């Protein structure tokens, strides 16, 4: 019997977001909004109209943080991944965040994406640590981080408000 840990990872391509991606991002965010809102705050209305989304993307491109699209071997947009808080203290750490579309869940795209970002970040030699948070109601995200070498930092666990309810976020750290 195959488990998710034994399955081959799907081939992916990571590319920093650009304005030309606006239509694909609009489709991706629109078709997955209800699914994503289980774990993260709702996107602002600007994400759901192409003209305003183009401005959001231009702003992201100008930001020191890095925002990537994850595409399948057939060039379908399957997810997004980012490195945030670049240039903020501590300067050797970035926060990793990712999302994979609902229809692509359980196929290895999250793990492939995280491993690709880890490999790229290690090669750049500009950071010492990556950190990430996973909601306690999303054990699959915690499993991806653990499978990619992150360690659970129990002391960094925090509780936030999400849809007027408390949500526990588990903190994970990876030494590069």
Protein backbone atom coordinates (compact mmCIF):
# COMPACT_ATOMS: atom_id res chain seq x y z
CA UNK A 1 0.00 0.00 0.00
CA UNK A 2 1.33 3.44 -0.92
CA UNK A 3 1.24 6.23 1.60
CA UNK A 4 1.61 9.91 0.77
CA UNK A 5 5.23 9.74 1.96
CA UNK A 6 5.99 7.03 -0.61
CA UNK A 7 4.42 8.75 -3.60
CA UNK A 8 6.64 10.53 -6.09
CA UNK A 9 6.31 14.28 -5.92
CA UNK A 10 4.68 15.92 -8.91
CA UNK A 11 6.90 18.06 -11.12
CA UNK A 12 6.33 21.75 -10.47
CA UNK A 13 7.60 25.08 -11.69
CA UNK A 14 8.01 28.04 -9.35
CA UNK A 15 8.01 31.52 -10.80
CA UNK A 16 7.78 34.88 -9.12
CA UNK A 17 4.39 36.44 -9.66
CA UNK A 18 4.01 38.96 -12.48
CA UNK A 19 1.22 41.14 -13.77
CA UNK A 20 0.72 38.77 -16.70
CA UNK A 21 -0.50 36.17 -14.19
CA UNK A 22 -3.51 38.28 -13.13
CA UNK A 23 -6.18 36.24 -14.91
CA UNK A 24 -4.84 32.90 -13.61
CA UNK A 25 -4.51 34.29 -10.08
CA UNK A 26 -8.06 35.67 -10.27
CA UNK A 27 -9.40 32.25 -11.31
CA UNK A 28 -7.34 30.46 -8.65
CA UNK A 29 -8.34 32.76 -5.78
CA UNK A 30 -12.00 32.89 -6.85
CA UNK A 31 -12.42 29.15 -7.21
CA UNK A 32 -10.68 28.42 -3.89
CA UNK A 33 -11.80 31.30 -1.67
CA UNK A 34 -14.28 29.32 0.45
CA UNK A 35 -11.79 26.49 0.84
CA UNK A 36 -8.92 28.79 1.91
CA UNK A 37 -11.07 30.77 4.33
CA UNK A 38 -11.23 27.72 6.61
CA UNK A 39 -7.65 28.52 7.67
CA UNK A 40 -6.80 32.06 6.65
CA UNK A 41 -8.63 35.39 6.60
CA UNK A 42 -10.64 36.17 3.49
CA UNK A 43 -8.84 37.97 0.70
CA UNK A 44 -9.73 41.60 0.20
CA UNK A 45 -12.15 42.44 -2.65
CA UNK A 46 -9.22 43.60 -4.80
CA UNK A 47 -8.29 39.94 -5.37
CA UNK A 48 -11.59 39.24 -7.12
CA UNK A 49 -11.55 41.85 -9.88
CA UNK A 50 -8.89 41.73 -12.56
CA UNK A 51 -8.02 45.44 -12.79
CA UNK A 52 -7.57 45.85 -9.05
CA UNK A 53 -5.77 42.50 -8.84
CA UNK A 54 -3.22 43.78 -11.35
CA UNK A 55 -2.44 46.62 -8.92
CA UNK A 56 -2.16 44.12 -6.04
CA UNK A 57 0.33 42.14 -8.11
CA UNK A 58 2.34 45.25 -8.99
CA UNK A 59 2.49 46.05 -5.26
CA UNK A 60 3.64 42.51 -4.48
CA UNK A 61 6.34 42.74 -7.15
CA UNK A 62 7.63 45.99 -5.59
CA UNK A 63 7.63 44.50 -2.08
CA UNK A 64 10.94 43.12 -0.70
CA UNK A 65 9.07 39.89 0.13
CA UNK A 66 8.90 37.20 -2.55
CA UNK A 67 5.70 35.79 -4.01
CA UNK A 68 5.68 32.74 -6.27
CA UNK A 69 3.14 30.83 -8.29
CA UNK A 70 3.28 27.05 -8.33
CA UNK A 71 2.42 25.47 -11.67
CA UNK A 72 1.98 21.84 -12.63
CA UNK A 73 3.79 20.15 -15.52
CA UNK A 74 0.86 21.23 -17.73
CA UNK A 75 1.30 24.88 -16.58
CA UNK A 76 -1.90 24.87 -14.50
CA UNK A 77 -1.77 27.18 -11.48
CA UNK A 78 -2.02 24.78 -8.54
CA UNK A 79 -0.75 26.93 -5.68
CA UNK A 80 1.07 29.92 -4.32
CA UNK A 81 4.05 30.13 -1.99
CA UNK A 82 5.83 33.10 -0.48
CA UNK A 83 8.63 34.28 1.75
CA UNK A 84 7.58 37.17 3.96
CA UNK A 85 9.24 39.50 6.44
CA UNK A 86 12.43 39.65 4.41
CA UNK A 87 14.60 42.47 5.65
CA UNK A 88 12.85 42.60 9.03
CA UNK A 89 14.41 41.52 12.29
CA UNK A 90 15.76 38.96 12.63
CA UNK A 91 17.37 39.56 9.25
CA UNK A 92 18.38 35.93 8.77
CA UNK A 93 14.80 34.60 8.94
CA UNK A 94 11.79 34.62 6.60
CA UNK A 95 8.27 33.37 7.12
CA UNK A 96 7.11 30.75 4.64
CA UNK A 97 3.47 30.64 3.61
CA UNK A 98 1.74 28.54 1.00
CA UNK A 99 -1.64 27.49 -0.32
CA UNK A 100 -2.61 24.76 -2.75
CA UNK A 101 -5.95 24.73 -4.53
CA UNK A 102 -8.63 22.39 -3.24
CA UNK A 103 -8.68 20.09 -6.27
CA UNK A 104 -4.91 19.62 -5.98
CA UNK A 105 -4.89 18.63 -2.30
CA UNK A 106 -3.22 15.35 -1.36
CA UNK A 107 -1.22 15.10 -4.59
CA UNK A 108 2.16 16.27 -3.24
CA UNK A 109 2.08 19.84 -4.58
CA UNK A 110 2.47 21.44 -1.14
CA UNK A 111 5.45 19.27 -0.25
CA UNK A 112 7.05 19.76 -3.68
CA UNK A 113 6.59 23.53 -3.37
CA UNK A 114 8.02 23.78 0.13
CA UNK A 115 10.99 21.60 -0.79
CA UNK A 116 11.66 23.74 -3.88
CA UNK A 117 11.63 26.96 -1.84
CA UNK A 118 13.87 25.40 0.80
CA UNK A 119 16.34 24.27 -1.87
CA UNK A 120 16.29 27.68 -3.57
CA UNK A 121 16.74 29.52 -0.27
CA UNK A 122 19.62 27.30 0.76
CA UNK A 123 21.33 27.91 -2.59
CA UNK A 124 20.98 31.69 -2.21
CA UNK A 125 22.70 31.58 1.22
CA UNK A 126 21.00 34.77 2.40
CA UNK A 127 18.88 33.28 5.20
CA UNK A 128 19.64 31.02 8.14
CA UNK A 129 16.09 30.08 9.14
CA UNK A 130 12.64 29.64 7.68
CA UNK A 131 9.62 29.70 9.92
CA UNK A 132 6.02 28.80 9.19
CA UNK A 133 2.70 28.59 10.98
CA UNK A 134 0.07 25.88 10.53
CA UNK A 135 -3.44 26.06 11.94
CA UNK A 136 -4.40 23.32 14.35
CA UNK A 137 -7.48 22.58 12.24
CA UNK A 138 -5.21 21.90 9.25
CA UNK A 139 -3.03 18.92 10.24
CA UNK A 140 -2.09 18.32 6.58
CA UNK A 141 -0.14 21.59 6.60
CA UNK A 142 1.74 20.56 9.75
CA UNK A 143 2.51 17.20 8.15
CA UNK A 144 3.93 18.89 5.05
CA UNK A 145 6.21 21.09 7.14
CA UNK A 146 7.42 18.15 9.22
CA UNK A 147 8.03 16.06 6.08
CA UNK A 148 10.14 18.91 4.70
CA UNK A 149 12.41 19.02 7.76
CA UNK A 150 10.75 21.75 9.83
CA UNK A 151 10.67 21.26 13.58
CA UNK A 152 7.66 22.12 15.71
CA UNK A 153 8.52 24.98 18.09
CA UNK A 154 5.90 24.51 20.80
CA UNK A 155 6.99 27.73 22.52
CA UNK A 156 6.10 29.68 19.38
CA UNK A 157 2.50 28.45 19.22
CA UNK A 158 0.01 31.30 19.30
CA UNK A 159 -3.73 31.86 19.22
CA UNK A 160 -5.37 34.34 16.85
CA UNK A 161 -8.94 35.28 16.06
CA UNK A 162 -10.31 33.82 12.84
CA UNK A 163 -13.95 34.40 11.86
CA UNK A 164 -14.59 35.53 15.45
CA UNK A 165 -13.24 32.26 16.85
CA UNK A 166 -9.89 31.44 18.43
CA UNK A 167 -7.52 29.56 16.14
CA UNK A 168 -4.27 27.99 17.33
CA UNK A 169 -1.29 28.38 15.02
CA UNK A 170 1.59 25.98 15.50
CA UNK A 171 5.04 27.46 14.88
CA UNK A 172 7.59 25.52 12.83
CA UNK A 173 11.25 26.35 12.19
CA UNK A 174 13.79 25.04 9.70
CA UNK A 175 17.52 25.68 9.97
CA UNK A 176 18.94 26.19 6.51
